Amino acid sequence: MTQPAIFISGSAAGIGRATAKKFAAEGYLVGIYDIDEVGVRSALAEIGSNAVGGRLDVTDPASWESALTEFTDASGGRLDVLVNNAGVLRSGRFAEVDLAQHHFTVEVNV
C-alpha cells in the first residue's frame, strides 16, 4: 500500500478526532482507536473510507497489540505516524483526589 498511515489513540473526540479528520483529508489512512466505542463508530462514519478503527484501552498491553495488528493488517503493514493522544484529567487539590484516580491518570497518560 502506498497510502501513508497514521494510528491515533484517543481519537473518538476532541483533539484526537480533529487530528484524524485533518490527516484523512490529507490522504492518510487513519486509525481511530479509543475506549469510547460509540465515539469511534461516529468518527469512522464521519471520516469515511480513509479510516479504520476500534476499541483501544491504552492501559492494557494486549489491547495495544490487538489494535496495532488490526490497523497494520488494514494498512498493508504501514504505520508512518503514531499519535498517542489518549489522556485524562483529574482536577482538585492533590491531597483531596483519591489515590486510585492519581494512579489511573498515570496509567492512561504515561
PDB file of N, CA and C in Angstrom:
ATOM      1  N   MET A   1       0.850  -1.186   0.000  1.00  0.00           N
ATOM      2  CA  MET A   1       0.000   0.000   0.000  1.00  0.00           C
ATOM      3  C   MET A   1       0.891   1.243   0.000  1.00  0.00           C
ATOM      4  N   THR A   2       0.550   2.189  -0.848  1.00  0.00           N
ATOM      5  CA  THR A   2       1.336   3.419  -0.910  1.00  0.00           C
ATOM      6  C   THR A   2       0.720   4.546  -0.089  1.00  0.00           C
ATOM      7  N   GLN A   3      -0.482   4.354   0.372  1.00  0.00           N
ATOM      8  CA  GLN A   3      -1.144   5.382   1.177  1.00  0.00           C
ATOM      9  C   GLN A   3      -0.471   5.465   2.550  1.00  0.00           C
ATOM     10  N   PRO A   4      -0.054   6.662   2.972  1.00  0.00           N
ATOM     11  CA  PRO A   4       0.536   6.790   4.300  1.00  0.00           C
ATOM     12  C   PRO A   4      -0.505   6.463   5.364  1.00  0.00           C
ATOM     13  N   ALA A   5      -0.028   6.012   6.528  1.00  0.00           N
ATOM     14  CA  ALA A   5      -0.936   5.543   7.566  1.00  0.00           C
ATOM     15  C   ALA A   5      -0.578   6.152   8.917  1.00  0.00           C
ATOM     16  N   ILE A   6      -1.610   6.595   9.641  1.00  0.00           N
ATOM     17  CA  ILE A   6      -1.436   7.176  10.961  1.00  0.00           C
ATOM     18  C   ILE A   6      -2.397   6.489  11.935  1.00  0.00           C
ATOM     19  N   PHE A   7      -1.901   6.117  13.087  1.00  0.00           N
ATOM     20  CA  PHE A   7      -2.683   5.494  14.157  1.00  0.00           C
ATOM     21  C   PHE A   7      -2.793   6.519  15.271  1.00  0.00           C
ATOM     22  N   ILE A   8      -4.027   6.793  15.722  1.00  0.00           N
ATOM     23  CA  ILE A   8      -4.239   7.806  16.752  1.00  0.00           C
ATOM     24  C   ILE A   8      -5.033   7.205  17.906  1.00  0.00           C
ATOM     25  N   SER A   9      -4.412   7.137  19.078  1.00  0.00           N
ATOM     26  CA  SER A   9      -5.160   6.704  20.260  1.00  0.00           C
ATOM     27  C   SER A   9      -5.957   7.886  20.787  1.00  0.00           C
ATOM     28  N   GLY A  10      -7.052   7.584  21.462  1.00  0.00           N
ATOM     29  CA  GLY A  10      -7.873   8.662  21.999  1.00  0.00           C
ATOM     30  C   GLY A  10      -8.453   9.551  20.921  1.00  0.00           C
ATOM     31  N   SER A  11      -8.920   8.943  19.832  1.00  0.00           N
ATOM     32  CA  SER A  11      -9.342   9.746  18.683  1.00  0.00           C
ATOM     33  C   SER A  11     -10.842   9.734  18.427  1.00  0.00           C
ATOM     34  N   ALA A  12     -11.635   9.339  19.425  1.00  0.00           N
ATOM     35  CA  ALA A  12     -13.085   9.337  19.254  1.00  0.00           C
ATOM     36  C   ALA A  12     -13.679  10.736  19.362  1.00  0.00           C
ATOM     37  N   ALA A  13     -12.940  11.662  19.983  1.00  0.00           N
ATOM     38  CA  ALA A  13     -13.476  13.013  20.186  1.00  0.00           C
ATOM     39  C   ALA A  13     -12.326  13.997  20.362  1.00  0.00           C
ATOM     40  N   GLY A  14     -12.663  15.265  20.413  1.00  0.00           N
ATOM     41  CA  GLY A  14     -11.705  16.317  20.754  1.00  0.00           C
ATOM     42  C   GLY A  14     -10.530  16.431  19.807  1.00  0.00           C
ATOM     43  N   ILE A  15      -9.363  16.663  20.383  1.00  0.00           N
ATOM     44  CA  ILE A  15      -8.137  16.860  19.602  1.00  0.00           C
ATOM     45  C   ILE A  15      -7.811  15.639  18.757  1.00  0.00           C
ATOM     46  N   GLY A  16      -7.998  14.458  19.313  1.00  0.00           N
ATOM     47  CA  GLY A  16      -7.721  13.238  18.556  1.00  0.00           C
ATOM     48  C   GLY A  16      -8.574  13.114  17.318  1.00  0.00           C
ATOM     49  N   ARG A  17      -9.849  13.397  17.465  1.00  0.00           N
ATOM     50  CA  ARG A  17     -10.760  13.318  16.320  1.00  0.00           C
ATOM     51  C   ARG A  17     -10.430  14.390  15.287  1.00  0.00           C
ATOM     52  N   ALA A  18     -10.126  15.597  15.739  1.00  0.00           N
ATOM     53  CA  ALA A  18      -9.747  16.670  14.813  1.00  0.00           C
ATOM     54  C   ALA A  18      -8.464  16.304  14.064  1.00  0.00           C
ATOM     55  N   THR A  19      -7.529  15.687  14.749  1.00  0.00           N
ATOM     56  CA  THR A  19      -6.287  15.236  14.109  1.00  0.00           C
ATOM     57  C   THR A  19      -6.592  14.178  13.062  1.00  0.00           C
ATOM     58  N   ALA A  20      -7.477  13.247  13.401  1.00  0.00           N
ATOM     59  CA  ALA A  20      -7.866  12.196  12.461  1.00  0.00           C
ATOM     60  C   ALA A  20      -8.493  12.795  11.200  1.00  0.00           C
ATOM     61  N   LYS A  21      -9.386  13.760  11.376  1.00  0.00           N
ATOM     62  CA  LYS A  21     -10.029  14.402  10.227  1.00  0.00           C
ATOM     63  C   LYS A  21      -9.008  15.123   9.350  1.00  0.00           C
ATOM     64  N   LYS A  22      -8.061  15.802   9.969  1.00  0.00           N
ATOM     65  CA  LYS A  22      -7.033  16.536   9.217  1.00  0.00           C
ATOM     66  C   LYS A  22      -6.185  15.583   8.379  1.00  0.00           C
ATOM     67  N   PHE A  23      -5.710  14.504   9.008  1.00  0.00           N
ATOM     68  CA  PHE A  23      -4.863  13.562   8.270  1.00  0.00           C
ATOM     69  C   PHE A  23      -5.647  12.813   7.200  1.00  0.00           C
ATOM     70  N   ALA A  24      -6.906  12.477   7.455  1.00  0.00           N
ATOM     71  CA  ALA A  24      -7.727  11.822   6.436  1.00  0.00           C
ATOM     72  C   ALA A  24      -7.891  12.743   5.228  1.00  0.00           C
ATOM     73  N   ALA A  25      -8.082  14.026   5.475  1.00  0.00           N
ATOM     74  CA  ALA A  25      -8.221  15.000   4.388  1.00  0.00           C
ATOM     75  C   ALA A  25      -6.939  15.121   3.574  1.00  0.00           C
ATOM     76  N   GLU A  26      -5.806  14.801   4.208  1.00  0.00           N
ATOM     77  CA  GLU A  26      -4.508  14.849   3.520  1.00  0.00           C
ATOM     78  C   GLU A  26      -4.177  13.523   2.826  1.00  0.00           C
ATOM     79  N   GLY A  27      -5.103  12.571   2.859  1.00  0.00           N
ATOM     80  CA  GLY A  27      -4.919  11.321   2.127  1.00  0.00           C
ATOM     81  C   GLY A  27      -4.370  10.159   2.934  1.00  0.00           C
ATOM     82  N   TYR A  28      -4.227  10.322   4.229  1.00  0.00           N
ATOM     83  CA  TYR A  28      -3.738   9.238   5.078  1.00  0.00           C
ATOM     84  C   TYR A  28      -4.846   8.233   5.369  1.00  0.00           C
ATOM     85  N   LEU A  29      -4.475   6.983   5.543  1.00  0.00           N
ATOM     86  CA  LEU A  29      -5.353   6.017   6.173  1.00  0.00           C
ATOM     87  C   LEU A  29      -5.233   6.281   7.666  1.00  0.00           C
ATOM     88  N   VAL A  30      -6.345   6.542   8.316  1.00  0.00           N
ATOM     89  CA  VAL A  30      -6.342   6.941   9.721  1.00  0.00           C
ATOM     90  C   VAL A  30      -6.891   5.814  10.582  1.00  0.00           C
ATOM     91  N   GLY A  31      -6.147   5.480  11.627  1.00  0.00           N
ATOM     92  CA  GLY A  31      -6.607   4.521  12.616  1.00  0.00           C
ATOM     93  C   GLY A  31      -7.224   5.265  13.779  1.00  0.00           C
ATOM     94  N   ILE A  32      -8.515   5.084  13.954  1.00  0.00           N
ATOM     95  CA  ILE A  32      -9.250   5.750  15.030  1.00  0.00           C
ATOM     96  C   ILE A  32      -9.496   4.724  16.124  1.00  0.00           C
ATOM     97  N   TYR A  33      -8.768   4.867  17.216  1.00  0.00           N
ATOM     98  CA  TYR A  33      -8.861   3.895  18.308  1.00  0.00           C
ATOM     99  C   TYR A  33      -9.061   4.617  19.629  1.00  0.00           C
ATOM    100  N   ASP A  34      -9.996   4.082  20.411  1.00  0.00           N
ATOM    101  CA  ASP A  34     -10.375   4.743  21.657  1.00  0.00           C
ATOM    102  C   ASP A  34     -11.149   3.747  22.512  1.00  0.00           C
ATOM    103  N   ILE A  35     -11.234   4.013  23.790  1.00  0.00           N
ATOM    104  CA  ILE A  35     -12.051   3.197  24.679  1.00  0.00           C
ATOM    105  C   ILE A  35     -13.542   3.498  24.472  1.00  0.00           C
ATOM    106  N   ASP A  36     -13.846   4.652  23.901  1.00  0.00           N
ATOM    107  CA  ASP A  36     -15.220   5.090  23.629  1.00  0.00           C
ATOM    108  C   ASP A  36     -15.664   4.512  22.281  1.00  0.00           C
ATOM    109  N   GLU A  37     -16.291   3.348  22.312  1.00  0.00           N
ATOM    110  CA  GLU A  37     -16.660   2.662  21.075  1.00  0.00           C
ATOM    111  C   GLU A  37     -17.739   3.404  20.279  1.00  0.00           C
ATOM    112  N   VAL A  38     -18.659   4.060  20.959  1.00  0.00           N
ATOM    113  CA  VAL A  38     -19.697   4.833  20.265  1.00  0.00           C
ATOM    114  C   VAL A  38     -19.041   6.003  19.526  1.00  0.00           C
ATOM    115  N   GLY A  39     -18.105   6.674  20.177  1.00  0.00           N
ATOM    116  CA  GLY A  39     -17.387   7.767  19.540  1.00  0.00           C
ATOM    117  C   GLY A  39     -16.556   7.311  18.359  1.00  0.00           C
ATOM    118  N   VAL A  40     -15.950   6.134  18.475  1.00  0.00           N
ATOM    119  CA  VAL A  40     -15.167   5.576  17.362  1.00  0.00           C
ATOM    120  C   VAL A  40     -16.074   5.350  16.154  1.00  0.00           C
ATOM    121  N   ARG A  41     -17.226   4.722  16.371  1.00  0.00           N
ATOM    122  CA  ARG A  41     -18.152   4.471  15.256  1.00  0.00           C
ATOM    123  C   ARG A  41     -18.606   5.778  14.609  1.00  0.00           C
ATOM    124  N   SER A  42     -18.870   6.781  15.436  1.00  0.00           N
ATOM    125  CA  SER A  42     -19.279   8.086  14.903  1.00  0.00           C
ATOM    126  C   SER A  42     -18.169   8.725  14.079  1.00  0.00           C
ATOM    127  N   ALA A  43     -16.947   8.675  14.582  1.00  0.00           N
ATOM    128  CA  ALA A  43     -15.805   9.248  13.853  1.00  0.00           C
ATOM    129  C   ALA A  43     -15.563   8.502  12.544  1.00  0.00           C
ATOM    130  N   LEU A  44     -15.677   7.180  12.575  1.00  0.00           N
ATOM    131  CA  LEU A  44     -15.491   6.393  11.355  1.00  0.00           C
ATOM    132  C   LEU A  44     -16.532   6.776  10.307  1.00  0.00           C
ATOM    133  N   ALA A  45     -17.773   6.947  10.736  1.00  0.00           N
ATOM    134  CA  ALA A  45     -18.835   7.335   9.807  1.00  0.00           C
ATOM    135  C   ALA A  45     -18.587   8.724   9.236  1.00  0.00           C
ATOM    136  N   GLU A  46     -18.095   9.613  10.069  1.00  0.00           N
ATOM    137  CA  GLU A  46     -17.831  10.984   9.628  1.00  0.00           C
ATOM    138  C   GLU A  46     -16.673  11.049   8.640  1.00  0.00           C
ATOM    139  N   ILE A  47     -15.632  10.293   8.886  1.00  0.00           N
ATOM    140  CA  ILE A  47     -14.423  10.369   8.056  1.00  0.00           C
ATOM    141  C   ILE A  47     -14.548   9.530   6.789  1.00  0.00           C
ATOM    142  N   GLY A  48     -15.169   8.382   6.886  1.00  0.00           N
ATOM    143  CA  GLY A  48     -15.407   7.572   5.697  1.00  0.00           C
ATOM    144  C   GLY A  48     -14.305   6.580   5.384  1.00  0.00           C
ATOM    145  N   SER A  49     -14.069   6.386   4.090  1.00  0.00           N
ATOM    146  CA  SER A  49     -13.224   5.289   3.623  1.00  0.00           C
ATOM    147  C   SER A  49     -11.743   5.426   3.973  1.00  0.00           C
ATOM    148  N   ASN A  50     -11.303   6.596   4.387  1.00  0.00           N
ATOM    149  CA  ASN A  50      -9.899   6.768   4.776  1.00  0.00           C
ATOM    150  C   ASN A  50      -9.655   6.429   6.233  1.00  0.00           C
ATOM    151  N   ALA A  51     -10.585   5.710   6.870  1.00  0.00           N
ATOM    152  CA  ALA A  51     -10.429   5.418   8.291  1.00  0.00           C
ATOM    153  C   ALA A  51     -10.825   3.990   8.626  1.00  0.00           C
ATOM    154  N   VAL A  52     -10.100   3.439   9.576  1.00  0.00           N
ATOM    155  CA  VAL A  52     -10.442   2.162  10.198  1.00  0.00           C
ATOM    156  C   VAL A  52     -10.310   2.382  11.697  1.00  0.00           C
ATOM    157  N   GLY A  53     -10.906   1.534  12.480  1.00  0.00           N
ATOM    158  CA  GLY A  53     -10.758   1.764  13.909  1.00  0.00           C
ATOM    159  C   GLY A  53     -11.456   0.743  14.761  1.00  0.00           C
ATOM    160  N   GLY A  54     -11.299   0.948  16.047  1.00  0.00           N
ATOM    161  CA  GLY A  54     -11.897   0.044  17.007  1.00  0.00           C
ATOM    162  C   GLY A  54     -11.572   0.459  18.422  1.00  0.00           C
ATOM    163  N   ARG A  55     -11.799  -0.462  19.326  1.00  0.00           N
ATOM    164  CA  ARG A  55     -11.606  -0.201  20.750  1.00  0.00           C
ATOM    165  C   ARG A  55     -10.132  -0.354  21.114  1.00  0.00           C
ATOM    166  N   LEU A  56      -9.651   0.567  21.938  1.00  0.00           N
ATOM    167  CA  LEU A  56      -8.297   0.503  22.477  1.00  0.00           C
ATOM    168  C   LEU A  56      -8.308   1.023  23.902  1.00  0.00           C
ATOM    169  N   ASP A  57      -7.887   0.173  24.822  1.00  0.00           N
ATOM    170  CA  ASP A  57      -7.653   0.584  26.212  1.00  0.00           C
ATOM    171  C   ASP A  57      -6.142   0.758  26.336  1.00  0.00           C
ATOM    172  N   VAL A  58      -5.681   1.997  26.392  1.00  0.00           N
ATOM    173  CA  VAL A  58      -4.240   2.263  26.378  1.00  0.00           C
ATOM    174  C   VAL A  58      -3.518   1.743  27.626  1.00  0.00           C
ATOM    175  N   THR A  59      -4.269   1.363  28.650  1.00  0.00           N
ATOM    176  CA  THR A  59      -3.638   0.821  29.859  1.00  0.00           C
ATOM    177  C   THR A  59      -3.398  -0.682  29.762  1.00  0.00           C
ATOM    178  N   ASP A  60      -3.826  -1.298  28.674  1.00  0.00           N
ATOM    179  CA  ASP A  60      -3.756  -2.753  28.517  1.00  0.00           C
ATOM    180  C   ASP A  60      -2.856  -3.136  27.329  1.00  0.00           C
ATOM    181  N   PRO A  61      -1.694  -3.740  27.600  1.00  0.00           N
ATOM    182  CA  PRO A  61      -0.782  -4.112  26.509  1.00  0.00           C
ATOM    183  C   PRO A  61      -1.417  -5.026  25.459  1.00  0.00           C
ATOM    184  N   ALA A  62      -2.282  -5.940  25.872  1.00  0.00           N
ATOM    185  CA  ALA A  62      -2.931  -6.831  24.908  1.00  0.00           C
ATOM    186  C   ALA A  62      -3.866  -6.049  23.986  1.00  0.00           C
ATOM    187  N   SER A  63      -4.499  -5.013  24.525  1.00  0.00           N
ATOM    188  CA  SER A  63      -5.361  -4.165  23.710  1.00  0.00           C
ATOM    189  C   SER A  63      -4.539  -3.415  22.664  1.00  0.00           C
ATOM    190  N   TRP A  64      -3.368  -2.912  23.051  1.00  0.00           N
ATOM    191  CA  TRP A  64      -2.454  -2.260  22.098  1.00  0.00           C
ATOM    192  C   TRP A  64      -2.069  -3.231  20.993  1.00  0.00           C
ATOM    193  N   GLU A  65      -1.662  -4.428  21.373  1.00  0.00           N
ATOM    194  CA  GLU A  65      -1.221  -5.418  20.382  1.00  0.00           C
ATOM    195  C   GLU A  65      -2.338  -5.725  19.391  1.00  0.00           C
ATOM    196  N   SER A  66      -3.534  -5.932  19.906  1.00  0.00           N
ATOM    197  CA  SER A  66      -4.674  -6.237  19.048  1.00  0.00           C
ATOM    198  C   SER A  66      -4.997  -5.075  18.109  1.00  0.00           C
ATOM    199  N   ALA A  67      -5.049  -3.861  18.641  1.00  0.00           N
ATOM    200  CA  ALA A  67      -5.386  -2.694  17.825  1.00  0.00           C
ATOM    201  C   ALA A  67      -4.326  -2.436  16.754  1.00  0.00           C
ATOM    202  N   LEU A  68      -3.060  -2.520  17.130  1.00  0.00           N
ATOM    203  CA  LEU A  68      -1.994  -2.283  16.149  1.00  0.00           C
ATOM    204  C   LEU A  68      -1.973  -3.359  15.068  1.00  0.00           C
ATOM    205  N   THR A  69      -2.232  -4.600  15.441  1.00  0.00           N
ATOM    206  CA  THR A  69      -2.301  -5.675  14.451  1.00  0.00           C
ATOM    207  C   THR A  69      -3.449  -5.440  13.484  1.00  0.00           C
ATOM    208  N   GLU A  70      -4.613  -5.094  14.041  1.00  0.00           N
ATOM    209  CA  GLU A  70      -5.775  -4.808  13.201  1.00  0.00           C
ATOM    210  C   GLU A  70      -5.473  -3.665  12.229  1.00  0.00           C
ATOM    211  N   PHE A  71      -4.849  -2.609  12.743  1.00  0.00           N
ATOM    212  CA  PHE A  71      -4.556  -1.453  11.906  1.00  0.00           C
ATOM    213  C   PHE A  71      -3.526  -1.773  10.828  1.00  0.00           C
ATOM    214  N   THR A  72      -2.435  -2.418  11.187  1.00  0.00           N
ATOM    215  CA  THR A  72      -1.406  -2.708  10.185  1.00  0.00           C
ATOM    216  C   THR A  72      -1.881  -3.747   9.175  1.00  0.00           C
ATOM    217  N   ASP A  73      -2.806  -4.611   9.558  1.00  0.00           N
ATOM    218  CA  ASP A  73      -3.419  -5.512   8.573  1.00  0.00           C
ATOM    219  C   ASP A  73      -4.192  -4.692   7.546  1.00  0.00           C
ATOM    220  N   ALA A  74      -4.916  -3.682   8.006  1.00  0.00           N
ATOM    221  CA  ALA A  74      -5.704  -2.836   7.108  1.00  0.00           C
ATOM    222  C   ALA A  74      -4.833  -1.918   6.261  1.00  0.00           C
ATOM    223  N   SER A  75      -3.662  -1.542   6.787  1.00  0.00           N
ATOM    224  CA  SER A  75      -2.800  -0.583   6.080  1.00  0.00           C
ATOM    225  C   SER A  75      -1.742  -1.265   5.217  1.00  0.00           C
ATOM    226  N   GLY A  76      -1.801  -2.567   5.123  1.00  0.00           N
ATOM    227  CA  GLY A  76      -0.786  -3.280   4.345  1.00  0.00           C
ATOM    228  C   GLY A  76       0.575  -3.269   5.021  1.00  0.00           C
ATOM    229  N   GLY A  77       0.563  -3.173   6.346  1.00  0.00           N
ATOM    230  CA  GLY A  77       1.812  -3.189   7.110  1.00  0.00           C
ATOM    231  C   GLY A  77       2.396  -1.817   7.393  1.00  0.00           C
ATOM    232  N   ARG A  78       1.749  -0.777   6.918  1.00  0.00           N
ATOM    233  CA  ARG A  78       2.285   0.580   7.125  1.00  0.00           C
ATOM    234  C   ARG A  78       1.846   1.162   8.460  1.00  0.00           C
ATOM    235  N   LEU A  79       2.767   1.868   9.066  1.00  0.00           N
ATOM    236  CA  LEU A  79       2.496   2.701  10.236  1.00  0.00           C
ATOM    237  C   LEU A  79       3.528   3.814  10.187  1.00  0.00           C
ATOM    238  N   ASP A  80       3.146   4.924   9.555  1.00  0.00           N
ATOM    239  CA  ASP A  80       4.068   6.034   9.362  1.00  0.00           C
ATOM    240  C   ASP A  80       4.102   6.986  10.549  1.00  0.00           C
ATOM    241  N   VAL A  81       2.952   7.156  11.205  1.00  0.00           N
ATOM    242  CA  VAL A  81       2.855   8.087  12.325  1.00  0.00           C
ATOM    243  C   VAL A  81       2.007   7.442  13.415  1.00  0.00           C
ATOM    244  N   LEU A  82       2.473   7.568  14.657  1.00  0.00           N
ATOM    245  CA  LEU A  82       1.703   7.132  15.824  1.00  0.00           C
ATOM    246  C   LEU A  82       1.493   8.341  16.716  1.00  0.00           C
ATOM    247  N   VAL A  83       0.231   8.687  16.954  1.00  0.00           N
ATOM    248  CA  VAL A  83      -0.104   9.795  17.847  1.00  0.00           C
ATOM    249  C   VAL A  83      -0.780   9.186  19.071  1.00  0.00           C
ATOM    250  N   ASN A  84      -0.085   9.218  20.203  1.00  0.00           N
ATOM    251  CA  ASN A  84      -0.657   8.701  21.440  1.00  0.00           C
ATOM    252  C   ASN A  84      -1.367   9.858  22.135  1.00  0.00           C
ATOM    253  N   ASN A  85      -2.587  10.096  21.698  1.00  0.00           N
ATOM    254  CA  ASN A  85      -3.371  11.238  22.150  1.00  0.00           C
ATOM    255  C   ASN A  85      -4.225  10.939  23.381  1.00  0.00           C
ATOM    256  N   ALA A  86      -4.424   9.684  23.700  1.00  0.00           N
ATOM    257  CA  ALA A  86      -5.298   9.329  24.825  1.00  0.00           C
ATOM    258  C   ALA A  86      -4.813  10.011  26.097  1.00  0.00           C
ATOM    259  N   GLY A  87      -5.757  10.538  26.851  1.00  0.00           N
ATOM    260  CA  GLY A  87      -5.391  11.194  28.094  1.00  0.00           C
ATOM    261  C   GLY A  87      -6.610  11.516  28.930  1.00  0.00           C
ATOM    262  N   VAL A  88      -6.383  11.623  30.223  1.00  0.00           N
ATOM    263  CA  VAL A  88      -7.452  12.005  31.153  1.00  0.00           C
ATOM    264  C   VAL A  88      -6.937  13.117  32.051  1.00  0.00           C
ATOM    265  N   LEU A  89      -7.856  13.846  32.635  1.00  0.00           N
ATOM    266  CA  LEU A  89      -7.515  14.928  33.548  1.00  0.00           C
ATOM    267  C   LEU A  89      -8.398  14.811  34.771  1.00  0.00           C
ATOM    268  N   ARG A  90      -7.783  14.874  35.911  1.00  0.00           N
ATOM    269  CA  ARG A  90      -8.495  14.923  37.180  1.00  0.00           C
ATOM    270  C   ARG A  90      -8.104  16.239  37.835  1.00  0.00           C
ATOM    271  N   SER A  91      -9.085  16.958  38.330  1.00  0.00           N
ATOM    272  CA  SER A  91      -8.759  18.242  38.941  1.00  0.00           C
ATOM    273  C   SER A  91      -9.170  18.254  40.404  1.00  0.00           C
ATOM    274  N   GLY A  92      -8.601  19.180  41.097  1.00  0.00           N
ATOM    275  CA  GLY A  92      -8.873  19.335  42.519  1.00  0.00           C
ATOM    276  C   GLY A  92      -7.560  19.410  43.274  1.00  0.00           C
ATOM    277  N   ARG A  93      -7.663  19.657  44.552  1.00  0.00           N
ATOM    278  CA  ARG A  93      -6.464  19.674  45.387  1.00  0.00           C
ATOM    279  C   ARG A  93      -5.861  18.275  45.397  1.00  0.00           C
ATOM    280  N   PHE A  94      -4.564  18.214  45.196  1.00  0.00           N
ATOM    281  CA  PHE A  94      -3.875  16.929  45.068  1.00  0.00           C
ATOM    282  C   PHE A  94      -4.269  15.974  46.192  1.00  0.00           C
ATOM    283  N   ALA A  95      -4.206  16.427  47.407  1.00  0.00           N
ATOM    284  CA  ALA A  95      -4.471  15.564  48.561  1.00  0.00           C
ATOM    285  C   ALA A  95      -5.939  15.144  48.648  1.00  0.00           C
ATOM    286  N   GLU A  96      -6.810  15.847  47.959  1.00  0.00           N
ATOM    287  CA  GLU A  96      -8.226  15.519  48.008  1.00  0.00           C
ATOM    288  C   GLU A  96      -8.673  14.598  46.882  1.00  0.00           C
ATOM    289  N   VAL A  97      -7.824  14.404  45.897  1.00  0.00           N
ATOM    290  CA  VAL A  97      -8.139  13.483  44.805  1.00  0.00           C
ATOM    291  C   VAL A  97      -7.773  12.079  45.269  1.00  0.00           C
ATOM    292  N   ASP A  98      -8.688  11.153  45.095  1.00  0.00           N
ATOM    293  CA  ASP A  98      -8.492   9.774  45.510  1.00  0.00           C
ATOM    294  C   ASP A  98      -7.225   9.190  44.871  1.00  0.00           C
ATOM    295  N   LEU A  99      -6.470   8.437  45.644  1.00  0.00           N
ATOM    296  CA  LEU A  99      -5.224   7.841  45.156  1.00  0.00           C
ATOM    297  C   LEU A  99      -5.452   6.996  43.903  1.00  0.00           C
ATOM    298  N   ALA A 100      -6.555   6.286  43.843  1.00  0.00           N
ATOM    299  CA  ALA A 100      -6.850   5.470  42.661  1.00  0.00           C
ATOM    300  C   ALA A 100      -6.964   6.340  41.412  1.00  0.00           C
ATOM    301  N   GLN A 101      -7.503   7.555  41.567  1.00  0.00           N
ATOM    302  CA  GLN A 101      -7.615   8.464  40.430  1.00  0.00           C
ATOM    303  C   GLN A 101      -6.242   8.962  39.969  1.00  0.00           C
ATOM    304  N   HIS A 102      -5.336   9.193  40.914  1.00  0.00           N
ATOM    305  CA  HIS A 102      -3.966   9.557  40.546  1.00  0.00           C
ATOM    306  C   HIS A 102      -3.315   8.412  39.763  1.00  0.00           C
ATOM    307  N   HIS A 103      -3.488   7.201  40.235  1.00  0.00           N
ATOM    308  CA  HIS A 103      -2.920   6.037  39.551  1.00  0.00           C
ATOM    309  C   HIS A 103      -3.517   5.897  38.142  1.00  0.00           C
ATOM    310  N   PHE A 104      -4.822   6.089  38.030  1.00  0.00           N
ATOM    311  CA  PHE A 104      -5.489   5.998  36.733  1.00  0.00           C
ATOM    312  C   PHE A 104      -4.934   7.040  35.763  1.00  0.00           C
ATOM    313  N   THR A 105      -4.738   8.247  36.233  1.00  0.00           N
ATOM    314  CA  THR A 105      -4.178   9.314  35.399  1.00  0.00           C
ATOM    315  C   THR A 105      -2.796   8.935  34.865  1.00  0.00           C
ATOM    316  N   VAL A 106      -1.955   8.401  35.721  1.00  0.00           N
ATOM    317  CA  VAL A 106      -0.623   7.966  35.290  1.00  0.00           C
ATOM    318  C   VAL A 106      -0.739   6.815  34.302  1.00  0.00           C
ATOM    319  N   GLU A 107      -1.594   5.843  34.588  1.00  0.00           N
ATOM    320  CA  GLU A 107      -1.773   4.686  33.693  1.00  0.00           C
ATOM    321  C   GLU A 107      -2.154   5.123  32.283  1.00  0.00           C
ATOM    322  N   VAL A 108      -3.095   6.032  32.182  1.00  0.00           N
ATOM    323  CA  VAL A 108      -3.592   6.453  30.860  1.00  0.00           C
ATOM    324  C   VAL A 108      -2.611   7.419  30.199  1.00  0.00           C
ATOM    325  N   ASN A 109      -2.135   8.414  30.930  1.00  0.00           N
ATOM    326  CA  ASN A 109      -1.353   9.492  30.318  1.00  0.00           C
ATOM    327  C   ASN A 109       0.104   9.141  30.089  1.00  0.00           C
ATOM    328  N   VAL A 110       0.603   8.186  30.815  1.00  0.00           N
ATOM    329  CA  VAL A 110       2.007   7.832  30.669  1.00  0.00           C
ATOM    330  C   VAL A 110       2.123   6.469  30.017  1.00  0.00           C
TER     331      VAL A 110
END
